[in-house]
Amino acid sequence: MAIERGMYPSVGGCDEFIRLLYYSKQVTPDYLHDLKGKATGNIEEGEVITLDLIPYNDLWKRSTDSKTLASILLYEKLKMEGKIKE
């Protein structure tokens, strides 16, 4: 049996599987400022998502999303093991 890299957000409840990926990019403060409040989503279907920028160290306190919280833990553990370089 192959081991999948990712998470099952509701083990036993459904068979949904989500891959967790890491991407890093340095940006300027101006770039971040231009992103704040940006609206995305499928406008034709009435979906409006507004981007809210949250400092990484505050993210775990502000998010109730299981994927976000699992990603934070995975990132921190990989960083502790030296598998992610700053």
PDB file of N, CA and C in Angstrom:
ATOM      1  N   MET A   1       0.841  -1.185   0.000  1.00  0.00           N
ATOM      2  CA  MET A   1       0.000   0.000   0.000  1.00  0.00           C
ATOM      3  C   MET A   1       0.884   1.247   0.000  1.00  0.00           C
ATOM      4  N   ALA A   2       0.609   2.185  -0.884  1.00  0.00           N
ATOM      5  CA  ALA A   2       1.383   3.428  -0.972  1.00  0.00           C
ATOM      6  C   ALA A   2       0.962   4.389   0.132  1.00  0.00           C
ATOM      7  N   ILE A   3       1.928   5.118   0.648  1.00  0.00           N
ATOM      8  CA  ILE A   3       1.633   6.140   1.660  1.00  0.00           C
ATOM      9  C   ILE A   3       1.429   7.466   0.936  1.00  0.00           C
ATOM     10  N   GLU A   4       0.278   8.066   1.133  1.00  0.00           N
ATOM     11  CA  GLU A   4      -0.033   9.357   0.511  1.00  0.00           C
ATOM     12  C   GLU A   4       0.477  10.483   1.398  1.00  0.00           C
ATOM     13  N   ARG A   5       0.916  11.567   0.795  1.00  0.00           N
ATOM     14  CA  ARG A   5       1.371  12.743   1.532  1.00  0.00           C
ATOM     15  C   ARG A   5       0.242  13.774   1.529  1.00  0.00           C
ATOM     16  N   GLY A   6      -0.360  13.968   2.658  1.00  0.00           N
ATOM     17  CA  GLY A   6      -1.461  14.911   2.764  1.00  0.00           C
ATOM     18  C   GLY A   6      -2.276  14.606   4.004  1.00  0.00           C
ATOM     19  N   MET A   7      -3.576  14.902   3.939  1.00  0.00           N
ATOM     20  CA  MET A   7      -4.419  14.688   5.111  1.00  0.00           C
ATOM     21  C   MET A   7      -5.833  14.315   4.709  1.00  0.00           C
ATOM     22  N   TYR A   8      -6.489  13.592   5.606  1.00  0.00           N
ATOM     23  CA  TYR A   8      -7.910  13.297   5.492  1.00  0.00           C
ATOM     24  C   TYR A   8      -8.610  14.193   6.511  1.00  0.00           C
ATOM     25  N   PRO A   9      -9.345  15.221   6.071  1.00  0.00           N
ATOM     26  CA  PRO A   9      -9.929  16.177   7.013  1.00  0.00           C
ATOM     27  C   PRO A   9     -11.036  15.603   7.892  1.00  0.00           C
ATOM     28  N   SER A  10     -11.647  14.493   7.476  1.00  0.00           N
ATOM     29  CA  SER A  10     -12.721  13.899   8.264  1.00  0.00           C
ATOM     30  C   SER A  10     -12.592  12.382   8.193  1.00  0.00           C
ATOM     31  N   VAL A  11     -11.580  11.854   8.858  1.00  0.00           N
ATOM     32  CA  VAL A  11     -11.307  10.420   8.810  1.00  0.00           C
ATOM     33  C   VAL A  11     -12.531   9.647   9.314  1.00  0.00           C
ATOM     34  N   GLY A  12     -12.949   8.679   8.502  1.00  0.00           N
ATOM     35  CA  GLY A  12     -14.113   7.879   8.865  1.00  0.00           C
ATOM     36  C   GLY A  12     -15.428   8.493   8.414  1.00  0.00           C
ATOM     37  N   GLY A  13     -15.444   9.808   8.229  1.00  0.00           N
ATOM     38  CA  GLY A  13     -16.670  10.486   7.813  1.00  0.00           C
ATOM     39  C   GLY A  13     -16.831  10.542   6.311  1.00  0.00           C
ATOM     40  N   CYS A  14     -15.706  10.653   5.610  1.00  0.00           N
ATOM     41  CA  CYS A  14     -15.725  10.672   4.145  1.00  0.00           C
ATOM     42  C   CYS A  14     -14.334  10.298   3.650  1.00  0.00           C
ATOM     43  N   ASP A  15     -14.211  10.115   2.341  1.00  0.00           N
ATOM     44  CA  ASP A  15     -12.914   9.714   1.802  1.00  0.00           C
ATOM     45  C   ASP A  15     -12.160  10.882   1.159  1.00  0.00           C
ATOM     46  N   GLU A  16     -12.532  12.116   1.505  1.00  0.00           N
ATOM     47  CA  GLU A  16     -11.854  13.293   0.966  1.00  0.00           C
ATOM     48  C   GLU A  16     -10.392  13.287   1.414  1.00  0.00           C
ATOM     49  N   PHE A  17      -9.488  13.516   0.475  1.00  0.00           N
ATOM     50  CA  PHE A  17      -8.055  13.559   0.745  1.00  0.00           C
ATOM     51  C   PHE A  17      -7.509  14.855   0.187  1.00  0.00           C
ATOM     52  N   ILE A  18      -6.701  15.559   0.961  1.00  0.00           N
ATOM     53  CA  ILE A  18      -6.161  16.847   0.543  1.00  0.00           C
ATOM     54  C   ILE A  18      -4.643  16.801   0.608  1.00  0.00           C
ATOM     55  N   ARG A  19      -4.003  17.139  -0.498  1.00  0.00           N
ATOM     56  CA  ARG A  19      -2.546  17.250  -0.513  1.00  0.00           C
ATOM     57  C   ARG A  19      -2.157  18.609   0.063  1.00  0.00           C
ATOM     58  N   LEU A  20      -1.115  18.633   0.867  1.00  0.00           N
ATOM     59  CA  LEU A  20      -0.605  19.872   1.434  1.00  0.00           C
ATOM     60  C   LEU A  20       0.722  20.183   0.756  1.00  0.00           C
ATOM     61  N   LEU A  21       0.826  21.371   0.190  1.00  0.00           N
ATOM     62  CA  LEU A  21       2.019  21.769  -0.547  1.00  0.00           C
ATOM     63  C   LEU A  21       2.658  22.982   0.108  1.00  0.00           C
ATOM     64  N   TYR A  22       3.954  23.134  -0.067  1.00  0.00           N
ATOM     65  CA  TYR A  22       4.691  24.278   0.467  1.00  0.00           C
ATOM     66  C   TYR A  22       5.262  25.077  -0.691  1.00  0.00           C
ATOM     67  N   TYR A  23       5.051  26.394  -0.645  1.00  0.00           N
ATOM     68  CA  TYR A  23       5.598  27.301  -1.652  1.00  0.00           C
ATOM     69  C   TYR A  23       6.065  28.557  -0.925  1.00  0.00           C
ATOM     70  N   SER A  24       7.246  29.016  -1.238  1.00  0.00           N
ATOM     71  CA  SER A  24       7.792  30.202  -0.593  1.00  0.00           C
ATOM     72  C   SER A  24       8.214  31.214  -1.649  1.00  0.00           C
ATOM     73  N   LYS A  25       7.912  32.478  -1.386  1.00  0.00           N
ATOM     74  CA  LYS A  25       8.283  33.546  -2.312  1.00  0.00           C
ATOM     75  C   LYS A  25       8.468  34.835  -1.520  1.00  0.00           C
ATOM     76  N   GLN A  26       9.566  35.524  -1.775  1.00  0.00           N
ATOM     77  CA  GLN A  26       9.772  36.820  -1.129  1.00  0.00           C
ATOM     78  C   GLN A  26       9.084  37.899  -1.956  1.00  0.00           C
ATOM     79  N   VAL A  27       8.378  38.781  -1.270  1.00  0.00           N
ATOM     80  CA  VAL A  27       7.679  39.877  -1.948  1.00  0.00           C
ATOM     81  C   VAL A  27       7.959  41.184  -1.214  1.00  0.00           C
ATOM     82  N   THR A  28       7.681  42.274  -1.882  1.00  0.00           N
ATOM     83  CA  THR A  28       7.895  43.594  -1.289  1.00  0.00           C
ATOM     84  C   THR A  28       6.684  44.002  -0.449  1.00  0.00           C
ATOM     85  N   PRO A  29       6.862  44.929   0.478  1.00  0.00           N
ATOM     86  CA  PRO A  29       5.719  45.449   1.236  1.00  0.00           C
ATOM     87  C   PRO A  29       4.644  46.048   0.315  1.00  0.00           C
ATOM     88  N   ASP A  30       5.057  46.693  -0.778  1.00  0.00           N
ATOM     89  CA  ASP A  30       4.080  47.257  -1.721  1.00  0.00           C
ATOM     90  C   ASP A  30       3.221  46.171  -2.355  1.00  0.00           C
ATOM     91  N   TYR A  31       3.838  45.050  -2.689  1.00  0.00           N
ATOM     92  CA  TYR A  31       3.101  43.926  -3.274  1.00  0.00           C
ATOM     93  C   TYR A  31       2.042  43.433  -2.298  1.00  0.00           C
ATOM     94  N   LEU A  32       2.419  43.262  -1.022  1.00  0.00           N
ATOM     95  CA  LEU A  32       1.457  42.832  -0.004  1.00  0.00           C
ATOM     96  C   LEU A  32       0.337  43.845   0.165  1.00  0.00           C
ATOM     97  N   HIS A  33       0.684  45.112   0.177  1.00  0.00           N
ATOM     98  CA  HIS A  33      -0.326  46.162   0.315  1.00  0.00           C
ATOM     99  C   HIS A  33      -1.359  46.098  -0.811  1.00  0.00           C
ATOM    100  N   ASP A  34      -0.894  45.833  -2.030  1.00  0.00           N
ATOM    101  CA  ASP A  34      -1.794  45.749  -3.173  1.00  0.00           C
ATOM    102  C   ASP A  34      -2.718  44.538  -3.106  1.00  0.00           C
ATOM    103  N   LEU A  35      -2.324  43.487  -2.388  1.00  0.00           N
ATOM    104  CA  LEU A  35      -3.160  42.293  -2.257  1.00  0.00           C
ATOM    105  C   LEU A  35      -4.268  42.455  -1.229  1.00  0.00           C
ATOM    106  N   LYS A  36      -4.031  43.271  -0.215  1.00  0.00           N
ATOM    107  CA  LYS A  36      -4.971  43.395   0.903  1.00  0.00           C
ATOM    108  C   LYS A  36      -6.350  43.837   0.422  1.00  0.00           C
ATOM    109  N   GLY A  37      -7.362  43.065   0.791  1.00  0.00           N
ATOM    110  CA  GLY A  37      -8.736  43.394   0.440  1.00  0.00           C
ATOM    111  C   GLY A  37      -9.139  42.995  -0.965  1.00  0.00           C
ATOM    112  N   LYS A  38      -8.242  42.354  -1.701  1.00  0.00           N
ATOM    113  CA  LYS A  38      -8.533  41.957  -3.075  1.00  0.00           C
ATOM    114  C   LYS A  38      -9.677  40.938  -3.080  1.00  0.00           C
ATOM    115  N   ALA A  39     -10.622  41.116  -3.993  1.00  0.00           N
ATOM    116  CA  ALA A  39     -11.745  40.191  -4.119  1.00  0.00           C
ATOM    117  C   ALA A  39     -11.452  39.169  -5.201  1.00  0.00           C
ATOM    118  N   THR A  40     -11.722  37.904  -4.883  1.00  0.00           N
ATOM    119  CA  THR A  40     -11.566  36.819  -5.838  1.00  0.00           C
ATOM    120  C   THR A  40     -12.813  35.938  -5.762  1.00  0.00           C
ATOM    121  N   GLY A  41     -12.775  34.820  -6.443  1.00  0.00           N
ATOM    122  CA  GLY A  41     -13.899  33.890  -6.418  1.00  0.00           C
ATOM    123  C   GLY A  41     -14.617  33.872  -7.747  1.00  0.00           C
ATOM    124  N   ASN A  42     -15.610  33.028  -7.854  1.00  0.00           N
ATOM    125  CA  ASN A  42     -16.407  32.911  -9.064  1.00  0.00           C
ATOM    126  C   ASN A  42     -17.560  33.913  -8.978  1.00  0.00           C
ATOM    127  N   ILE A  43     -17.325  35.103  -9.501  1.00  0.00           N
ATOM    128  CA  ILE A  43     -18.292  36.202  -9.396  1.00  0.00           C
ATOM    129  C   ILE A  43     -19.621  35.823 -10.043  1.00  0.00           C
ATOM    130  N   GLU A  44     -19.585  35.093 -11.185  1.00  0.00           N
ATOM    131  CA  GLU A  44     -20.819  34.719 -11.885  1.00  0.00           C
ATOM    132  C   GLU A  44     -21.734  33.858 -11.031  1.00  0.00           C
ATOM    133  N   GLU A  45     -21.158  33.108 -10.096  1.00  0.00           N
ATOM    134  CA  GLU A  45     -21.956  32.260  -9.211  1.00  0.00           C
ATOM    135  C   GLU A  45     -22.197  32.916  -7.854  1.00  0.00           C
ATOM    136  N   GLY A  46     -21.866  34.197  -7.745  1.00  0.00           N
ATOM    137  CA  GLY A  46     -22.100  34.926  -6.508  1.00  0.00           C
ATOM    138  C   GLY A  46     -21.074  34.666  -5.423  1.00  0.00           C
ATOM    139  N   GLU A  47     -19.979  34.022  -5.783  1.00  0.00           N
ATOM    140  CA  GLU A  47     -18.927  33.739  -4.803  1.00  0.00           C
ATOM    141  C   GLU A  47     -17.960  34.912  -4.753  1.00  0.00           C
ATOM    142  N   VAL A  48     -17.851  35.530  -3.589  1.00  0.00           N
ATOM    143  CA  VAL A  48     -16.911  36.632  -3.406  1.00  0.00           C
ATOM    144  C   VAL A  48     -16.042  36.308  -2.206  1.00  0.00           C
ATOM    145  N   ILE A  49     -14.752  36.207  -2.448  1.00  0.00           N
ATOM    146  CA  ILE A  49     -13.778  35.931  -1.398  1.00  0.00           C
ATOM    147  C   ILE A  49     -12.867  37.137  -1.289  1.00  0.00           C
ATOM    148  N   THR A  50     -12.786  37.717  -0.107  1.00  0.00           N
ATOM    149  CA  THR A  50     -11.935  38.882   0.107  1.00  0.00           C
ATOM    150  C   THR A  50     -10.685  38.449   0.863  1.00  0.00           C
ATOM    151  N   LEU A  51      -9.539  38.795   0.313  1.00  0.00           N
ATOM    152  CA  LEU A  51      -8.260  38.413   0.899  1.00  0.00           C
ATOM    153  C   LEU A  51      -7.968  39.237   2.142  1.00  0.00           C
ATOM    154  N   ASP A  52      -7.637  38.547   3.216  1.00  0.00           N
ATOM    155  CA  ASP A  52      -7.257  39.194   4.470  1.00  0.00           C
ATOM    156  C   ASP A  52      -5.840  38.730   4.791  1.00  0.00           C
ATOM    157  N   LEU A  53      -4.914  39.646   4.898  1.00  0.00           N
ATOM    158  CA  LEU A  53      -3.524  39.297   5.210  1.00  0.00           C
ATOM    159  C   LEU A  53      -3.342  39.233   6.722  1.00  0.00           C
ATOM    160  N   ILE A  54      -2.820  38.107   7.192  1.00  0.00           N
ATOM    161  CA  ILE A  54      -2.638  37.877   8.619  1.00  0.00           C
ATOM    162  C   ILE A  54      -1.179  37.503   8.860  1.00  0.00           C
ATOM    163  N   PRO A  55      -0.510  38.136   9.804  1.00  0.00           N
ATOM    164  CA  PRO A  55       0.869  37.744  10.107  1.00  0.00           C
ATOM    165  C   PRO A  55       0.927  36.255  10.478  1.00  0.00           C
ATOM    166  N   TYR A  56       1.935  35.559   9.973  1.00  0.00           N
ATOM    167  CA  TYR A  56       2.052  34.115  10.189  1.00  0.00           C
ATOM    168  C   TYR A  56       1.920  33.743  11.665  1.00  0.00           C
ATOM    169  N   ASN A  57       2.576  34.475  12.554  1.00  0.00           N
ATOM    170  CA  ASN A  57       2.550  34.130  13.979  1.00  0.00           C
ATOM    171  C   ASN A  57       1.173  34.274  14.615  1.00  0.00           C
ATOM    172  N   ASP A  58       0.252  34.980  13.960  1.00  0.00           N
ATOM    173  CA  ASP A  58      -1.112  35.131  14.462  1.00  0.00           C
ATOM    174  C   ASP A  58      -2.100  34.198  13.768  1.00  0.00           C
ATOM    175  N   LEU A  59      -1.674  33.542  12.713  1.00  0.00           N
ATOM    176  CA  LEU A  59      -2.589  32.752  11.885  1.00  0.00           C
ATOM    177  C   LEU A  59      -3.285  31.648  12.669  1.00  0.00           C
ATOM    178  N   TRP A  60      -2.564  30.923  13.516  1.00  0.00           N
ATOM    179  CA  TRP A  60      -3.167  29.824  14.269  1.00  0.00           C
ATOM    180  C   TRP A  60      -4.262  30.315  15.213  1.00  0.00           C
ATOM    181  N   LYS A  61      -4.174  31.569  15.661  1.00  0.00           N
ATOM    182  CA  LYS A  61      -5.177  32.134  16.572  1.00  0.00           C
ATOM    183  C   LYS A  61      -6.427  32.590  15.837  1.00  0.00           C
ATOM    184  N   ARG A  62      -6.279  32.916  14.558  1.00  0.00           N
ATOM    185  CA  ARG A  62      -7.386  33.522  13.805  1.00  0.00           C
ATOM    186  C   ARG A  62      -8.131  32.540  12.906  1.00  0.00           C
ATOM    187  N   SER A  63      -7.508  31.400  12.596  1.00  0.00           N
ATOM    188  CA  SER A  63      -8.120  30.463  11.650  1.00  0.00           C
ATOM    189  C   SER A  63      -8.828  29.325  12.371  1.00  0.00           C
ATOM    190  N   THR A  64      -9.984  28.948  11.856  1.00  0.00           N
ATOM    191  CA  THR A  64     -10.688  27.761  12.330  1.00  0.00           C
ATOM    192  C   THR A  64     -10.679  26.675  11.254  1.00  0.00           C
ATOM    193  N   ASP A  65      -9.926  26.895  10.182  1.00  0.00           N
ATOM    194  CA  ASP A  65      -9.868  25.974   9.059  1.00  0.00           C
ATOM    195  C   ASP A  65      -8.885  24.838   9.352  1.00  0.00           C
ATOM    196  N   SER A  66      -9.354  23.599   9.276  1.00  0.00           N
ATOM    197  CA  SER A  66      -8.504  22.453   9.621  1.00  0.00           C
ATOM    198  C   SER A  66      -7.305  22.321   8.698  1.00  0.00           C
ATOM    199  N   LYS A  67      -7.450  22.659   7.429  1.00  0.00           N
ATOM    200  CA  LYS A  67      -6.321  22.559   6.493  1.00  0.00           C
ATOM    201  C   LYS A  67      -5.239  23.557   6.851  1.00  0.00           C
ATOM    202  N   THR A  68      -5.642  24.758   7.210  1.00  0.00           N
ATOM    203  CA  THR A  68      -4.679  25.785   7.604  1.00  0.00           C
ATOM    204  C   THR A  68      -3.937  25.371   8.870  1.00  0.00           C
ATOM    205  N   LEU A  69      -4.673  24.901   9.868  1.00  0.00           N
ATOM    206  CA  LEU A  69      -4.050  24.518  11.130  1.00  0.00           C
ATOM    207  C   LEU A  69      -3.128  23.316  10.953  1.00  0.00           C
ATOM    208  N   ALA A  70      -3.525  22.337  10.145  1.00  0.00           N
ATOM    209  CA  ALA A  70      -2.662  21.186   9.875  1.00  0.00           C
ATOM    210  C   ALA A  70      -1.410  21.616   9.120  1.00  0.00           C
ATOM    211  N   SER A  71      -1.568  22.548   8.195  1.00  0.00           N
ATOM    212  CA  SER A  71      -0.421  23.033   7.415  1.00  0.00           C
ATOM    213  C   SER A  71       0.583  23.760   8.293  1.00  0.00           C
ATOM    214  N   ILE A  72       0.089  24.541   9.252  1.00  0.00           N
ATOM    215  CA  ILE A  72       0.983  25.240  10.178  1.00  0.00           C
ATOM    216  C   ILE A  72       1.802  24.227  10.980  1.00  0.00           C
ATOM    217  N   LEU A  73       1.146  23.208  11.511  1.00  0.00           N
ATOM    218  CA  LEU A  73       1.845  22.197  12.294  1.00  0.00           C
ATOM    219  C   LEU A  73       2.867  21.453  11.446  1.00  0.00           C
ATOM    220  N   LEU A  74       2.471  21.044  10.253  1.00  0.00           N
ATOM    221  CA  LEU A  74       3.388  20.336   9.366  1.00  0.00           C
ATOM    222  C   LEU A  74       4.591  21.210   9.017  1.00  0.00           C
ATOM    223  N   TYR A  75       4.361  22.482   8.697  1.00  0.00           N
ATOM    224  CA  TYR A  75       5.447  23.412   8.370  1.00  0.00           C
ATOM    225  C   TYR A  75       6.422  23.535   9.543  1.00  0.00           C
ATOM    226  N   GLU A  76       5.887  23.738  10.742  1.00  0.00           N
ATOM    227  CA  GLU A  76       6.744  23.919  11.918  1.00  0.00           C
ATOM    228  C   GLU A  76       7.564  22.661  12.207  1.00  0.00           C
ATOM    229  N   LYS A  77       6.959  21.499  12.073  1.00  0.00           N
ATOM    230  CA  LYS A  77       7.685  20.246  12.334  1.00  0.00           C
ATOM    231  C   LYS A  77       8.768  20.011  11.271  1.00  0.00           C
ATOM    232  N   LEU A  78       8.466  20.270  10.004  1.00  0.00           N
ATOM    233  CA  LEU A  78       9.470  20.116   8.952  1.00  0.00           C
ATOM    234  C   LEU A  78      10.615  21.107   9.135  1.00  0.00           C
ATOM    235  N   LYS A  79      10.288  22.308   9.581  1.00  0.00           N
ATOM    236  CA  LYS A  79      11.315  23.325   9.842  1.00  0.00           C
ATOM    237  C   LYS A  79      12.208  22.884  11.007  1.00  0.00           C
ATOM    238  N   MET A  80      11.606  22.322  12.052  1.00  0.00           N
ATOM    239  CA  MET A  80      12.380  21.841  13.203  1.00  0.00           C
ATOM    240  C   MET A  80      13.349  20.730  12.806  1.00  0.00           C
ATOM    241  N   GLU A  81      12.957  19.904  11.849  1.00  0.00           N
ATOM    242  CA  GLU A  81      13.814  18.799  11.386  1.00  0.00           C
ATOM    243  C   GLU A  81      14.813  19.235  10.333  1.00  0.00           C
ATOM    244  N   GLY A  82      14.801  20.525   9.975  1.00  0.00           N
ATOM    245  CA  GLY A  82      15.742  21.056   8.996  1.00  0.00           C
ATOM    246  C   GLY A  82      15.396  20.750   7.548  1.00  0.00           C
ATOM    247  N   LYS A  83      14.170  20.307   7.303  1.00  0.00           N
ATOM    248  CA  LYS A  83      13.753  19.973   5.940  1.00  0.00           C
ATOM    249  C   LYS A  83      13.243  21.190   5.186  1.00  0.00           C
ATOM    250  N   ILE A  84      13.006  22.282   5.896  1.00  0.00           N
ATOM    251  CA  ILE A  84      12.636  23.559   5.278  1.00  0.00           C
ATOM    252  C   ILE A  84      13.636  24.587   5.787  1.00  0.00           C
ATOM    253  N   LYS A  85      14.303  25.245   4.867  1.00  0.00           N
ATOM    254  CA  LYS A  85      15.289  26.272   5.217  1.00  0.00           C
ATOM    255  C   LYS A  85      14.639  27.650   5.103  1.00  0.00           C
ATOM    256  N   GLU A  86      14.983  28.514   6.021  1.00  0.00           N
ATOM    257  CA  GLU A  86      14.468  29.894   5.985  1.00  0.00           C
ATOM    258  C   GLU A  86      15.294  30.708   5.012  1.00  0.00           C
TER     259      GLU A  86
END
